[in-house]
Amino acid sequence: MSAEADADATPSIPPLSGAEAVRADIVKALKTVFDPEIPVDIYELGLIYGIDLEPAENGQYNATIRMTLTSPHCPSAAELPEEARVMALSVEGVASAKVDLVWDPPWDRAMMSEEARLNMGFF
């Protein structure tokens, strides 16, 4: 079998489309928002509980992000949700964005990604 035939036999991953692509781009944008007290982005930190997208006009989406903070007394309680909203709104295909701050379930270190725990030395 030739190398060309092998290349043709390799399954390709289909590109994301519609809401899946917008959600993936929102996640990328949220990964640029860092908790000022912890050197980890809010997504890897486990502060993002969900991203809901509802169809809007012109093929765009209204995004609702459910997030929490490491503590109800977090000094960045006003800034982080607003920064997350602005970053989501900057994504192509997002017509509007809002952040719902939730406290249930309460955040704990187990919500951090493995990469974040490694970076923080929690292993």
PDB file of N, CA and C in Angstrom:
ATOM      1  N   MET A   1       0.843  -1.177   0.000  1.00  0.00           N
ATOM      2  CA  MET A   1       0.000   0.000   0.000  1.00  0.00           C
ATOM      3  C   MET A   1       0.888   1.240   0.000  1.00  0.00           C
ATOM      4  N   SER A   2       0.571   2.189  -0.803  1.00  0.00           N
ATOM      5  CA  SER A   2       1.397   3.391  -0.921  1.00  0.00           C
ATOM      6  C   SER A   2       1.117   4.352   0.228  1.00  0.00           C
ATOM      7  N   ALA A   3       2.038   5.281   0.433  1.00  0.00           N
ATOM      8  CA  ALA A   3       1.842   6.300   1.463  1.00  0.00           C
ATOM      9  C   ALA A   3       0.622   7.142   1.159  1.00  0.00           C
ATOM     10  N   GLU A   4       0.371   7.347  -0.145  1.00  0.00           N
ATOM     11  CA  GLU A   4      -0.795   8.133  -0.546  1.00  0.00           C
ATOM     12  C   GLU A   4      -2.076   7.414  -0.153  1.00  0.00           C
ATOM     13  N   ALA A   5      -2.114   6.091  -0.325  1.00  0.00           N
ATOM     14  CA  ALA A   5      -3.295   5.307   0.061  1.00  0.00           C
ATOM     15  C   ALA A   5      -3.469   5.328   1.569  1.00  0.00           C
ATOM     16  N   ASP A   6      -2.342   5.266   2.327  1.00  0.00           N
ATOM     17  CA  ASP A   6      -2.418   5.331   3.786  1.00  0.00           C
ATOM     18  C   ASP A   6      -3.011   6.664   4.231  1.00  0.00           C
ATOM     19  N   ALA A   7      -2.612   7.744   3.594  1.00  0.00           N
ATOM     20  CA  ALA A   7      -3.121   9.075   3.936  1.00  0.00           C
ATOM     21  C   ALA A   7      -4.621   9.147   3.687  1.00  0.00           C
ATOM     22  N   ASP A   8      -5.068   8.518   2.608  1.00  0.00           N
ATOM     23  CA  ASP A   8      -6.499   8.521   2.303  1.00  0.00           C
ATOM     24  C   ASP A   8      -7.288   7.694   3.306  1.00  0.00           C
ATOM     25  N   ALA A   9      -6.670   6.672   3.908  1.00  0.00           N
ATOM     26  CA  ALA A   9      -7.354   5.791   4.837  1.00  0.00           C
ATOM     27  C   ALA A   9      -7.432   6.388   6.240  1.00  0.00           C
ATOM     28  N   THR A  10      -6.624   7.404   6.533  1.00  0.00           N
ATOM     29  CA  THR A  10      -6.633   8.020   7.850  1.00  0.00           C
ATOM     30  C   THR A  10      -7.929   8.792   8.042  1.00  0.00           C
ATOM     31  N   PRO A  11      -8.686   8.424   9.101  1.00  0.00           N
ATOM     32  CA  PRO A  11      -9.933   9.152   9.313  1.00  0.00           C
ATOM     33  C   PRO A  11      -9.644  10.601   9.707  1.00  0.00           C
ATOM     34  N   SER A  12     -10.431  11.490   9.190  1.00  0.00           N
ATOM     35  CA  SER A  12     -10.248  12.894   9.545  1.00  0.00           C
ATOM     36  C   SER A  12     -11.329  13.297  10.538  1.00  0.00           C
ATOM     37  N   ILE A  13     -10.989  14.251  11.346  1.00  0.00           N
ATOM     38  CA  ILE A  13     -11.941  14.772  12.317  1.00  0.00           C
ATOM     39  C   ILE A  13     -12.708  15.890  11.631  1.00  0.00           C
ATOM     40  N   PRO A  14     -14.027  15.768  11.585  1.00  0.00           N
ATOM     41  CA  PRO A  14     -14.790  16.822  10.908  1.00  0.00           C
ATOM     42  C   PRO A  14     -14.684  18.135  11.674  1.00  0.00           C
ATOM     43  N   PRO A  15     -14.663  19.241  10.960  1.00  0.00           N
ATOM     44  CA  PRO A  15     -14.587  20.538  11.644  1.00  0.00           C
ATOM     45  C   PRO A  15     -15.864  20.791  12.445  1.00  0.00           C
ATOM     46  N   LEU A  16     -15.709  21.529  13.524  1.00  0.00           N
ATOM     47  CA  LEU A  16     -16.870  21.902  14.324  1.00  0.00           C
ATOM     48  C   LEU A  16     -17.711  22.890  13.533  1.00  0.00           C
ATOM     49  N   SER A  17     -18.993  22.854  13.769  1.00  0.00           N
ATOM     50  CA  SER A  17     -19.857  23.790  13.065  1.00  0.00           C
ATOM     51  C   SER A  17     -20.895  24.373  14.015  1.00  0.00           C
ATOM     52  N   GLY A  18     -21.438  25.491  13.640  1.00  0.00           N
ATOM     53  CA  GLY A  18     -22.519  26.125  14.394  1.00  0.00           C
ATOM     54  C   GLY A  18     -22.183  26.350  15.848  1.00  0.00           C
ATOM     55  N   ALA A  19     -23.098  25.913  16.707  1.00  0.00           N
ATOM     56  CA  ALA A  19     -22.956  26.139  18.144  1.00  0.00           C
ATOM     57  C   ALA A  19     -21.704  25.478  18.705  1.00  0.00           C
ATOM     58  N   GLU A  20     -21.332  24.305  18.187  1.00  0.00           N
ATOM     59  CA  GLU A  20     -20.120  23.627  18.683  1.00  0.00           C
ATOM     60  C   GLU A  20     -18.883  24.493  18.464  1.00  0.00           C
ATOM     61  N   ALA A  21     -18.790  25.096  17.296  1.00  0.00           N
ATOM     62  CA  ALA A  21     -17.638  25.936  16.977  1.00  0.00           C
ATOM     63  C   ALA A  21     -17.635  27.195  17.844  1.00  0.00           C
ATOM     64  N   VAL A  22     -18.793  27.793  18.023  1.00  0.00           N
ATOM     65  CA  VAL A  22     -18.881  29.007  18.846  1.00  0.00           C
ATOM     66  C   VAL A  22     -18.524  28.673  20.291  1.00  0.00           C
ATOM     67  N   ARG A  23     -19.041  27.559  20.807  1.00  0.00           N
ATOM     68  CA  ARG A  23     -18.724  27.147  22.180  1.00  0.00           C
ATOM     69  C   ARG A  23     -17.214  26.923  22.327  1.00  0.00           C
ATOM     70  N   ALA A  24     -16.597  26.255  21.377  1.00  0.00           N
ATOM     71  CA  ALA A  24     -15.143  26.012  21.430  1.00  0.00           C
ATOM     72  C   ALA A  24     -14.380  27.333  21.418  1.00  0.00           C
ATOM     73  N   ASP A  25     -14.843  28.292  20.633  1.00  0.00           N
ATOM     74  CA  ASP A  25     -14.168  29.601  20.583  1.00  0.00           C
ATOM     75  C   ASP A  25     -14.369  30.379  21.883  1.00  0.00           C
ATOM     76  N   ILE A  26     -15.530  30.221  22.505  1.00  0.00           N
ATOM     77  CA  ILE A  26     -15.754  30.868  23.809  1.00  0.00           C
ATOM     78  C   ILE A  26     -14.802  30.277  24.841  1.00  0.00           C
ATOM     79  N   VAL A  27     -14.648  28.963  24.829  1.00  0.00           N
ATOM     80  CA  VAL A  27     -13.707  28.327  25.763  1.00  0.00           C
ATOM     81  C   VAL A  27     -12.304  28.880  25.540  1.00  0.00           C
ATOM     82  N   LYS A  28     -11.871  28.999  24.292  1.00  0.00           N
ATOM     83  CA  LYS A  28     -10.549  29.569  24.000  1.00  0.00           C
ATOM     84  C   LYS A  28     -10.439  30.981  24.572  1.00  0.00           C
ATOM     85  N   ALA A  29     -11.495  31.770  24.397  1.00  0.00           N
ATOM     86  CA  ALA A  29     -11.477  33.142  24.906  1.00  0.00           C
ATOM     87  C   ALA A  29     -11.420  33.156  26.436  1.00  0.00           C
ATOM     88  N   LEU A  30     -12.170  32.272  27.074  1.00  0.00           N
ATOM     89  CA  LEU A  30     -12.179  32.227  28.539  1.00  0.00           C
ATOM     90  C   LEU A  30     -10.823  31.784  29.093  1.00  0.00           C
ATOM     91  N   LYS A  31     -10.080  31.030  28.310  1.00  0.00           N
ATOM     92  CA  LYS A  31      -8.762  30.584  28.754  1.00  0.00           C
ATOM     93  C   LYS A  31      -7.740  31.724  28.756  1.00  0.00           C
ATOM     94  N   THR A  32      -8.153  32.911  28.317  1.00  0.00           N
ATOM     95  CA  THR A  32      -7.268  34.083  28.384  1.00  0.00           C
ATOM     96  C   THR A  32      -7.557  34.927  29.621  1.00  0.00           C
ATOM     97  N   VAL A  33      -8.559  34.528  30.404  1.00  0.00           N
ATOM     98  CA  VAL A  33      -8.936  35.264  31.617  1.00  0.00           C
ATOM     99  C   VAL A  33      -8.318  34.546  32.814  1.00  0.00           C
ATOM    100  N   PHE A  34      -7.483  35.254  33.551  1.00  0.00           N
ATOM    101  CA  PHE A  34      -6.785  34.658  34.681  1.00  0.00           C
ATOM    102  C   PHE A  34      -7.256  35.254  35.997  1.00  0.00           C
ATOM    103  N   ASP A  35      -7.382  34.398  36.999  1.00  0.00           N
ATOM    104  CA  ASP A  35      -7.635  34.859  38.354  1.00  0.00           C
ATOM    105  C   ASP A  35      -6.371  35.592  38.793  1.00  0.00           C
ATOM    106  N   PRO A  36      -6.472  36.834  39.241  1.00  0.00           N
ATOM    107  CA  PRO A  36      -5.269  37.599  39.578  1.00  0.00           C
ATOM    108  C   PRO A  36      -4.494  37.030  40.768  1.00  0.00           C
ATOM    109  N   GLU A  37      -5.143  36.207  41.587  1.00  0.00           N
ATOM    110  CA  GLU A  37      -4.450  35.648  42.749  1.00  0.00           C
ATOM    111  C   GLU A  37      -3.860  34.266  42.481  1.00  0.00           C
ATOM    112  N   ILE A  38      -4.313  33.638  41.387  1.00  0.00           N
ATOM    113  CA  ILE A  38      -3.881  32.278  41.070  1.00  0.00           C
ATOM    114  C   ILE A  38      -3.424  32.283  39.615  1.00  0.00           C
ATOM    115  N   PRO A  39      -2.239  31.786  39.312  1.00  0.00           N
ATOM    116  CA  PRO A  39      -1.722  31.859  37.938  1.00  0.00           C
ATOM    117  C   PRO A  39      -2.312  30.797  37.004  1.00  0.00           C
ATOM    118  N   VAL A  40      -3.636  30.686  37.011  1.00  0.00           N
ATOM    119  CA  VAL A  40      -4.340  29.707  36.188  1.00  0.00           C
ATOM    120  C   VAL A  40      -5.554  30.403  35.591  1.00  0.00           C
ATOM    121  N   ASP A  41      -5.876  30.074  34.329  1.00  0.00           N
ATOM    122  CA  ASP A  41      -7.050  30.695  33.722  1.00  0.00           C
ATOM    123  C   ASP A  41      -8.340  30.151  34.350  1.00  0.00           C
ATOM    124  N   ILE A  42      -9.412  30.914  34.227  1.00  0.00           N
ATOM    125  CA  ILE A  42     -10.659  30.572  34.911  1.00  0.00           C
ATOM    126  C   ILE A  42     -11.284  29.280  34.399  1.00  0.00           C
ATOM    127  N   TYR A  43     -11.015  28.904  33.150  1.00  0.00           N
ATOM    128  CA  TYR A  43     -11.564  27.661  32.622  1.00  0.00           C
ATOM    129  C   TYR A  43     -10.845  26.462  33.239  1.00  0.00           C
ATOM    130  N   GLU A  44      -9.520  26.468  33.198  1.00  0.00           N
ATOM    131  CA  GLU A  44      -8.743  25.359  33.773  1.00  0.00           C
ATOM    132  C   GLU A  44      -8.876  25.317  35.292  1.00  0.00           C
ATOM    133  N   LEU A  45      -9.145  26.453  35.887  1.00  0.00           N
ATOM    134  CA  LEU A  45      -9.347  26.525  37.332  1.00  0.00           C
ATOM    135  C   LEU A  45     -10.655  25.848  37.747  1.00  0.00           C
ATOM    136  N   GLY A  46     -11.545  25.645  36.775  1.00  0.00           N
ATOM    137  CA  GLY A  46     -12.817  24.983  37.066  1.00  0.00           C
ATOM    138  C   GLY A  46     -13.911  25.938  37.488  1.00  0.00           C
ATOM    139  N   LEU A  47     -13.737  27.214  37.197  1.00  0.00           N
ATOM    140  CA  LEU A  47     -14.749  28.203  37.584  1.00  0.00           C
ATOM    141  C   LEU A  47     -15.922  28.268  36.604  1.00  0.00           C
ATOM    142  N   ILE A  48     -15.757  27.707  35.417  1.00  0.00           N
ATOM    143  CA  ILE A  48     -16.819  27.726  34.413  1.00  0.00           C
ATOM    144  C   ILE A  48     -17.615  26.437  34.535  1.00  0.00           C
ATOM    145  N   TYR A  49     -18.874  26.570  34.909  1.00  0.00           N
ATOM    146  CA  TYR A  49     -19.739  25.402  35.099  1.00  0.00           C
ATOM    147  C   TYR A  49     -20.516  25.045  33.839  1.00  0.00           C
ATOM    148  N   GLY A  50     -20.700  25.988  32.949  1.00  0.00           N
ATOM    149  CA  GLY A  50     -21.418  25.679  31.721  1.00  0.00           C
ATOM    150  C   GLY A  50     -21.502  26.869  30.793  1.00  0.00           C
ATOM    151  N   ILE A  51     -21.675  26.566  29.508  1.00  0.00           N
ATOM    152  CA  ILE A  51     -21.850  27.588  28.481  1.00  0.00           C
ATOM    153  C   ILE A  51     -23.080  27.184  27.678  1.00  0.00           C
ATOM    154  N   ASP A  52     -24.138  27.967  27.785  1.00  0.00           N
ATOM    155  CA  ASP A  52     -25.370  27.694  27.053  1.00  0.00           C
ATOM    156  C   ASP A  52     -25.484  28.673  25.894  1.00  0.00           C
ATOM    157  N   LEU A  53     -25.875  28.153  24.748  1.00  0.00           N
ATOM    158  CA  LEU A  53     -26.047  28.989  23.564  1.00  0.00           C
ATOM    159  C   LEU A  53     -27.463  28.857  23.054  1.00  0.00           C
ATOM    160  N   GLU A  54     -28.096  29.982  22.797  1.00  0.00           N
ATOM    161  CA  GLU A  54     -29.431  30.036  22.207  1.00  0.00           C
ATOM    162  C   GLU A  54     -29.306  30.736  20.861  1.00  0.00           C
ATOM    163  N   PRO A  55     -29.947  30.204  19.834  1.00  0.00           N
ATOM    164  CA  PRO A  55     -29.872  30.863  18.523  1.00  0.00           C
ATOM    165  C   PRO A  55     -30.385  32.302  18.574  1.00  0.00           C
ATOM    166  N   ALA A  56     -29.686  33.166  17.884  1.00  0.00           N
ATOM    167  CA  ALA A  56     -30.088  34.564  17.729  1.00  0.00           C
ATOM    168  C   ALA A  56     -30.236  34.812  16.230  1.00  0.00           C
ATOM    169  N   GLU A  57     -30.357  36.054  15.845  1.00  0.00           N
ATOM    170  CA  GLU A  57     -30.506  36.387  14.431  1.00  0.00           C
ATOM    171  C   GLU A  57     -29.192  36.208  13.674  1.00  0.00           C
ATOM    172  N   ASN A  58     -29.306  36.060  12.378  1.00  0.00           N
ATOM    173  CA  ASN A  58     -28.156  36.005  11.466  1.00  0.00           C
ATOM    174  C   ASN A  58     -27.166  34.885  11.790  1.00  0.00           C
ATOM    175  N   GLY A  59     -27.650  33.762  12.307  1.00  0.00           N
ATOM    176  CA  GLY A  59     -26.786  32.636  12.595  1.00  0.00           C
ATOM    177  C   GLY A  59     -25.898  32.820  13.809  1.00  0.00           C
ATOM    178  N   GLN A  60     -26.169  33.846  14.589  1.00  0.00           N
ATOM    179  CA  GLN A  60     -25.379  34.088  15.793  1.00  0.00           C
ATOM    180  C   GLN A  60     -26.058  33.438  16.999  1.00  0.00           C
ATOM    181  N   TYR A  61     -25.407  33.558  18.149  1.00  0.00           N
ATOM    182  CA  TYR A  61     -25.910  32.939  19.372  1.00  0.00           C
ATOM    183  C   TYR A  61     -25.856  33.916  20.539  1.00  0.00           C
ATOM    184  N   ASN A  62     -26.820  33.759  21.451  1.00  0.00           N
ATOM    185  CA  ASN A  62     -26.795  34.448  22.731  1.00  0.00           C
ATOM    186  C   ASN A  62     -26.163  33.470  23.719  1.00  0.00           C
ATOM    187  N   ALA A  63     -25.099  33.886  24.363  1.00  0.00           N
ATOM    188  CA  ALA A  63     -24.354  33.005  25.266  1.00  0.00           C
ATOM    189  C   ALA A  63     -24.672  33.337  26.718  1.00  0.00           C
ATOM    190  N   THR A  64     -24.880  32.283  27.499  1.00  0.00           N
ATOM    191  CA  THR A  64     -25.010  32.417  28.942  1.00  0.00           C
ATOM    192  C   THR A  64     -23.955  31.519  29.565  1.00  0.00           C
ATOM    193  N   ILE A  65     -23.107  32.121  30.366  1.00  0.00           N
ATOM    194  CA  ILE A  65     -22.017  31.394  31.015  1.00  0.00           C
ATOM    195  C   ILE A  65     -22.355  31.279  32.495  1.00  0.00           C
ATOM    196  N   ARG A  66     -22.348  30.041  32.983  1.00  0.00           N
ATOM    197  CA  ARG A  66     -22.524  29.815  34.415  1.00  0.00           C
ATOM    198  C   ARG A  66     -21.133  29.649  35.013  1.00  0.00           C
ATOM    199  N   MET A  67     -20.817  30.515  35.956  1.00  0.00           N
ATOM    200  CA  MET A  67     -19.499  30.427  36.586  1.00  0.00           C
ATOM    201  C   MET A  67     -19.600  30.684  38.069  1.00  0.00           C
ATOM    202  N   THR A  68     -18.556  30.290  38.752  1.00  0.00           N
ATOM    203  CA  THR A  68     -18.453  30.535  40.175  1.00  0.00           C
ATOM    204  C   THR A  68     -17.115  31.219  40.438  1.00  0.00           C
ATOM    205  N   LEU A  69     -16.829  31.446  41.679  1.00  0.00           N
ATOM    206  CA  LEU A  69     -15.544  32.002  42.097  1.00  0.00           C
ATOM    207  C   LEU A  69     -14.954  31.063  43.141  1.00  0.00           C
ATOM    208  N   THR A  70     -13.686  31.207  43.427  1.00  0.00           N
ATOM    209  CA  THR A  70     -13.056  30.314  44.396  1.00  0.00           C
ATOM    210  C   THR A  70     -13.643  30.503  45.789  1.00  0.00           C
ATOM    211  N   SER A  71     -14.224  31.675  46.020  1.00  0.00           N
ATOM    212  CA  SER A  71     -14.834  31.983  47.314  1.00  0.00           C
ATOM    213  C   SER A  71     -15.844  33.109  47.125  1.00  0.00           C
ATOM    214  N   PRO A  72     -16.940  33.101  47.886  1.00  0.00           N
ATOM    215  CA  PRO A  72     -17.872  34.227  47.814  1.00  0.00           C
ATOM    216  C   PRO A  72     -17.217  35.556  48.205  1.00  0.00           C
ATOM    217  N   HIS A  73     -16.105  35.482  48.906  1.00  0.00           N
ATOM    218  CA  HIS A  73     -15.400  36.691  49.353  1.00  0.00           C
ATOM    219  C   HIS A  73     -14.228  37.035  48.448  1.00  0.00           C
ATOM    220  N   CYS A  74     -14.208  36.475  47.253  1.00  0.00           N
ATOM    221  CA  CYS A  74     -13.131  36.701  46.288  1.00  0.00           C
ATOM    222  C   CYS A  74     -12.996  38.195  45.992  1.00  0.00           C
ATOM    223  N   PRO A  75     -11.794  38.747  46.108  1.00  0.00           N
ATOM    224  CA  PRO A  75     -11.603  40.168  45.833  1.00  0.00           C
ATOM    225  C   PRO A  75     -11.873  40.546  44.376  1.00  0.00           C
ATOM    226  N   SER A  76     -11.876  39.548  43.490  1.00  0.00           N
ATOM    227  CA  SER A  76     -12.122  39.805  42.066  1.00  0.00           C
ATOM    228  C   SER A  76     -13.559  39.501  41.665  1.00  0.00           C
ATOM    229  N   ALA A  77     -14.462  39.480  42.629  1.00  0.00           N
ATOM    230  CA  ALA A  77     -15.854  39.092  42.373  1.00  0.00           C
ATOM    231  C   ALA A  77     -16.540  39.974  41.337  1.00  0.00           C
ATOM    232  N   ALA A  78     -16.176  41.220  41.239  1.00  0.00           N
ATOM    233  CA  ALA A  78     -16.797  42.101  40.252  1.00  0.00           C
ATOM    234  C   ALA A  78     -16.098  42.010  38.907  1.00  0.00           C
ATOM    235  N   GLU A  79     -14.785  41.847  38.924  1.00  0.00           N
ATOM    236  CA  GLU A  79     -14.007  41.896  37.688  1.00  0.00           C
ATOM    237  C   GLU A  79     -14.068  40.612  36.873  1.00  0.00           C
ATOM    238  N   LEU A  80     -13.916  39.448  37.499  1.00  0.00           N
ATOM    239  CA  LEU A  80     -13.814  38.205  36.738  1.00  0.00           C
ATOM    240  C   LEU A  80     -15.067  37.886  35.921  1.00  0.00           C
ATOM    241  N   PRO A  81     -16.263  37.965  36.495  1.00  0.00           N
ATOM    242  CA  PRO A  81     -17.446  37.692  35.662  1.00  0.00           C
ATOM    243  C   PRO A  81     -17.591  38.680  34.503  1.00  0.00           C
ATOM    244  N   GLU A  82     -17.278  39.935  34.726  1.00  0.00           N
ATOM    245  CA  GLU A  82     -17.375  40.928  33.649  1.00  0.00           C
ATOM    246  C   GLU A  82     -16.329  40.660  32.576  1.00  0.00           C
ATOM    247  N   GLU A  83     -15.129  40.291  32.975  1.00  0.00           N
ATOM    248  CA  GLU A  83     -14.092  39.975  31.996  1.00  0.00           C
ATOM    249  C   GLU A  83     -14.481  38.741  31.181  1.00  0.00           C
ATOM    250  N   ALA A  84     -15.089  37.758  31.837  1.00  0.00           N
ATOM    251  CA  ALA A  84     -15.560  36.561  31.126  1.00  0.00           C
ATOM    252  C   ALA A  84     -16.640  36.936  30.119  1.00  0.00           C
ATOM    253  N   ARG A  85     -17.543  37.814  30.505  1.00  0.00           N
ATOM    254  CA  ARG A  85     -18.617  38.249  29.602  1.00  0.00           C
ATOM    255  C   ARG A  85     -18.044  38.969  28.395  1.00  0.00           C
ATOM    256  N   VAL A  86     -17.124  39.874  28.621  1.00  0.00           N
ATOM    257  CA  VAL A  86     -16.517  40.640  27.531  1.00  0.00           C
ATOM    258  C   VAL A  86     -15.761  39.718  26.569  1.00  0.00           C
ATOM    259  N   MET A  87     -15.043  38.749  27.118  1.00  0.00           N
ATOM    260  CA  MET A  87     -14.299  37.833  26.263  1.00  0.00           C
ATOM    261  C   MET A  87     -15.247  36.958  25.440  1.00  0.00           C
ATOM    262  N   ALA A  88     -16.340  36.507  26.031  1.00  0.00           N
ATOM    263  CA  ALA A  88     -17.317  35.716  25.275  1.00  0.00           C
ATOM    264  C   ALA A  88     -17.937  36.566  24.176  1.00  0.00           C
ATOM    265  N   LEU A  89     -18.227  37.812  24.487  1.00  0.00           N
ATOM    266  CA  LEU A  89     -18.834  38.715  23.514  1.00  0.00           C
ATOM    267  C   LEU A  89     -17.884  39.020  22.359  1.00  0.00           C
ATOM    268  N   SER A  90     -16.600  38.879  22.573  1.00  0.00           N
ATOM    269  CA  SER A  90     -15.620  39.150  21.518  1.00  0.00           C
ATOM    270  C   SER A  90     -15.537  38.024  20.484  1.00  0.00           C
ATOM    271  N   VAL A  91     -16.174  36.902  20.765  1.00  0.00           N
ATOM    272  CA  VAL A  91     -16.105  35.742  19.873  1.00  0.00           C
ATOM    273  C   VAL A  91     -17.035  35.945  18.681  1.00  0.00           C
ATOM    274  N   GLU A  92     -16.508  35.662  17.493  1.00  0.00           N
ATOM    275  CA  GLU A  92     -17.325  35.751  16.289  1.00  0.00           C
ATOM    276  C   GLU A  92     -18.480  34.762  16.403  1.00  0.00           C
ATOM    277  N   GLY A  93     -19.682  35.250  16.122  1.00  0.00           N
ATOM    278  CA  GLY A  93     -20.868  34.407  16.209  1.00  0.00           C
ATOM    279  C   GLY A  93     -21.654  34.603  17.495  1.00  0.00           C
ATOM    280  N   VAL A  94     -21.148  35.429  18.402  1.00  0.00           N
ATOM    281  CA  VAL A  94     -21.844  35.698  19.660  1.00  0.00           C
ATOM    282  C   VAL A  94     -22.517  37.062  19.554  1.00  0.00           C
ATOM    283  N   ALA A  95     -23.849  37.053  19.616  1.00  0.00           N
ATOM    284  CA  ALA A  95     -24.617  38.296  19.529  1.00  0.00           C
ATOM    285  C   ALA A  95     -24.704  38.988  20.878  1.00  0.00           C
ATOM    286  N   SER A  96     -24.846  38.200  21.947  1.00  0.00           N
ATOM    287  CA  SER A  96     -24.903  38.755  23.300  1.00  0.00           C
ATOM    288  C   SER A  96     -24.312  37.731  24.256  1.00  0.00           C
ATOM    289  N   ALA A  97     -23.866  38.225  25.400  1.00  0.00           N
ATOM    290  CA  ALA A  97     -23.285  37.334  26.405  1.00  0.00           C
ATOM    291  C   ALA A  97     -23.643  37.837  27.785  1.00  0.00           C
ATOM    292  N   LYS A  98     -23.973  36.894  28.660  1.00  0.00           N
ATOM    293  CA  LYS A  98     -24.197  37.239  30.060  1.00  0.00           C
ATOM    294  C   LYS A  98     -23.576  36.152  30.915  1.00  0.00           C
ATOM    295  N   VAL A  99     -23.250  36.514  32.137  1.00  0.00           N
ATOM    296  CA  VAL A  99     -22.655  35.579  33.081  1.00  0.00           C
ATOM    297  C   VAL A  99     -23.574  35.472  34.280  1.00  0.00           C
ATOM    298  N   ASP A 100     -23.952  34.239  34.598  1.00  0.00           N
ATOM    299  CA  ASP A 100     -24.706  33.961  35.810  1.00  0.00           C
ATOM    300  C   ASP A 100     -23.721  33.440  36.840  1.00  0.00           C
ATOM    301  N   LEU A 101     -23.549  34.188  37.918  1.00  0.00           N
ATOM    302  CA  LEU A 101     -22.655  33.779  38.994  1.00  0.00           C
ATOM    303  C   LEU A 101     -23.424  32.834  39.909  1.00  0.00           C
ATOM    304  N   VAL A 102     -22.908  31.624  40.090  1.00  0.00           N
ATOM    305  CA  VAL A 102     -23.579  30.607  40.898  1.00  0.00           C
ATOM    306  C   VAL A 102     -22.645  30.128  41.999  1.00  0.00           C
ATOM    307  N   TRP A 103     -23.233  29.609  43.056  1.00  0.00           N
ATOM    308  CA  TRP A 103     -22.435  29.152  44.203  1.00  0.00           C
ATOM    309  C   TRP A 103     -22.657  27.673  44.508  1.00  0.00           C
ATOM    310  N   ASP A 104     -23.492  27.029  43.723  1.00  0.00           N
ATOM    311  CA  ASP A 104     -23.794  25.627  43.959  1.00  0.00           C
ATOM    312  C   ASP A 104     -23.503  24.832  42.707  1.00  0.00           C
ATOM    313  N   PRO A 105     -22.612  23.896  42.736  1.00  0.00           N
ATOM    314  CA  PRO A 105     -21.851  23.455  43.904  1.00  0.00           C
ATOM    315  C   PRO A 105     -20.704  24.418  44.204  1.00  0.00           C
ATOM    316  N   PRO A 106     -20.313  24.473  45.458  1.00  0.00           N
ATOM    317  CA  PRO A 106     -19.185  25.336  45.810  1.00  0.00           C
ATOM    318  C   PRO A 106     -17.913  24.843  45.126  1.00  0.00           C
ATOM    319  N   TRP A 107     -17.063  25.778  44.727  1.00  0.00           N
ATOM    320  CA  TRP A 107     -15.811  25.422  44.073  1.00  0.00           C
ATOM    321  C   TRP A 107     -14.865  24.780  45.075  1.00  0.00           C
ATOM    322  N   ASP A 108     -14.111  23.787  44.602  1.00  0.00           N
ATOM    323  CA  ASP A 108     -12.983  23.267  45.367  1.00  0.00           C
ATOM    324  C   ASP A 108     -11.900  22.816  44.393  1.00  0.00           C
ATOM    325  N   ARG A 109     -10.744  22.490  44.905  1.00  0.00           N
ATOM    326  CA  ARG A 109      -9.585  22.164  44.066  1.00  0.00           C
ATOM    327  C   ARG A 109      -9.841  20.998  43.117  1.00  0.00           C
ATOM    328  N   ALA A 110     -10.743  20.108  43.467  1.00  0.00           N
ATOM    329  CA  ALA A 110     -11.036  18.947  42.620  1.00  0.00           C
ATOM    330  C   ALA A 110     -11.621  19.371  41.282  1.00  0.00           C
ATOM    331  N   MET A 111     -12.137  20.591  41.175  1.00  0.00           N
ATOM    332  CA  MET A 111     -12.734  21.087  39.939  1.00  0.00           C
ATOM    333  C   MET A 111     -11.685  21.574  38.948  1.00  0.00           C
ATOM    334  N   MET A 112     -10.463  21.724  39.408  1.00  0.00           N
ATOM    335  CA  MET A 112      -9.382  22.172  38.536  1.00  0.00           C
ATOM    336  C   MET A 112      -9.028  21.058  37.557  1.00  0.00           C
ATOM    337  N   SER A 113      -8.604  21.440  36.366  1.00  0.00           N
ATOM    338  CA  SER A 113      -8.136  20.453  35.401  1.00  0.00           C
ATOM    339  C   SER A 113      -6.843  19.827  35.923  1.00  0.00           C
ATOM    340  N   GLU A 114      -6.495  18.671  35.381  1.00  0.00           N
ATOM    341  CA  GLU A 114      -5.253  18.011  35.776  1.00  0.00           C
ATOM    342  C   GLU A 114      -4.064  18.917  35.484  1.00  0.00           C
ATOM    343  N   GLU A 115      -4.105  19.590  34.331  1.00  0.00           N
ATOM    344  CA  GLU A 115      -3.024  20.508  33.956  1.00  0.00           C
ATOM    345  C   GLU A 115      -2.872  21.627  34.982  1.00  0.00           C
ATOM    346  N   ALA A 116      -3.996  22.180  35.424  1.00  0.00           N
ATOM    347  CA  ALA A 116      -3.949  23.265  36.410  1.00  0.00           C
ATOM    348  C   ALA A 116      -3.394  22.767  37.736  1.00  0.00           C
ATOM    349  N   ARG A 117      -3.808  21.575  38.156  1.00  0.00           N
ATOM    350  CA  ARG A 117      -3.295  21.025  39.416  1.00  0.00           C
ATOM    351  C   ARG A 117      -1.787  20.778  39.321  1.00  0.00           C
ATOM    352  N   LEU A 118      -1.335  20.296  38.150  1.00  0.00           N
ATOM    353  CA  LEU A 118       0.105  20.101  37.965  1.00  0.00           C
ATOM    354  C   LEU A 118       0.852  21.423  38.048  1.00  0.00           C
ATOM    355  N   ASN A 119       0.319  22.457  37.366  1.00  0.00           N
ATOM    356  CA  ASN A 119       0.959  23.773  37.377  1.00  0.00           C
ATOM    357  C   ASN A 119       1.010  24.392  38.764  1.00  0.00           C
ATOM    358  N   MET A 120       0.018  24.059  39.581  1.00  0.00           N
ATOM    359  CA  MET A 120      -0.046  24.608  40.931  1.00  0.00           C
ATOM    360  C   MET A 120       0.709  23.744  41.944  1.00  0.00           C
ATOM    361  N   GLY A 121       1.182  22.566  41.502  1.00  0.00           N
ATOM    362  CA  GLY A 121       1.921  21.686  42.401  1.00  0.00           C
ATOM    363  C   GLY A 121       1.036  20.929  43.363  1.00  0.00           C
ATOM    364  N   PHE A 122      -0.207  20.637  42.954  1.00  0.00           N
ATOM    365  CA  PHE A 122      -1.134  19.943  43.850  1.00  0.00           C
ATOM    366  C   PHE A 122      -1.071  18.434  43.715  1.00  0.00           C
ATOM    367  N   PHE A 123      -0.058  17.910  43.024  1.00  0.00           N
ATOM    368  CA  PHE A 123       0.101  16.449  42.909  1.00  0.00           C
ATOM    369  C   PHE A 123       1.267  16.001  43.718  1.00  0.00           C
TER     370      PHE A 123
END
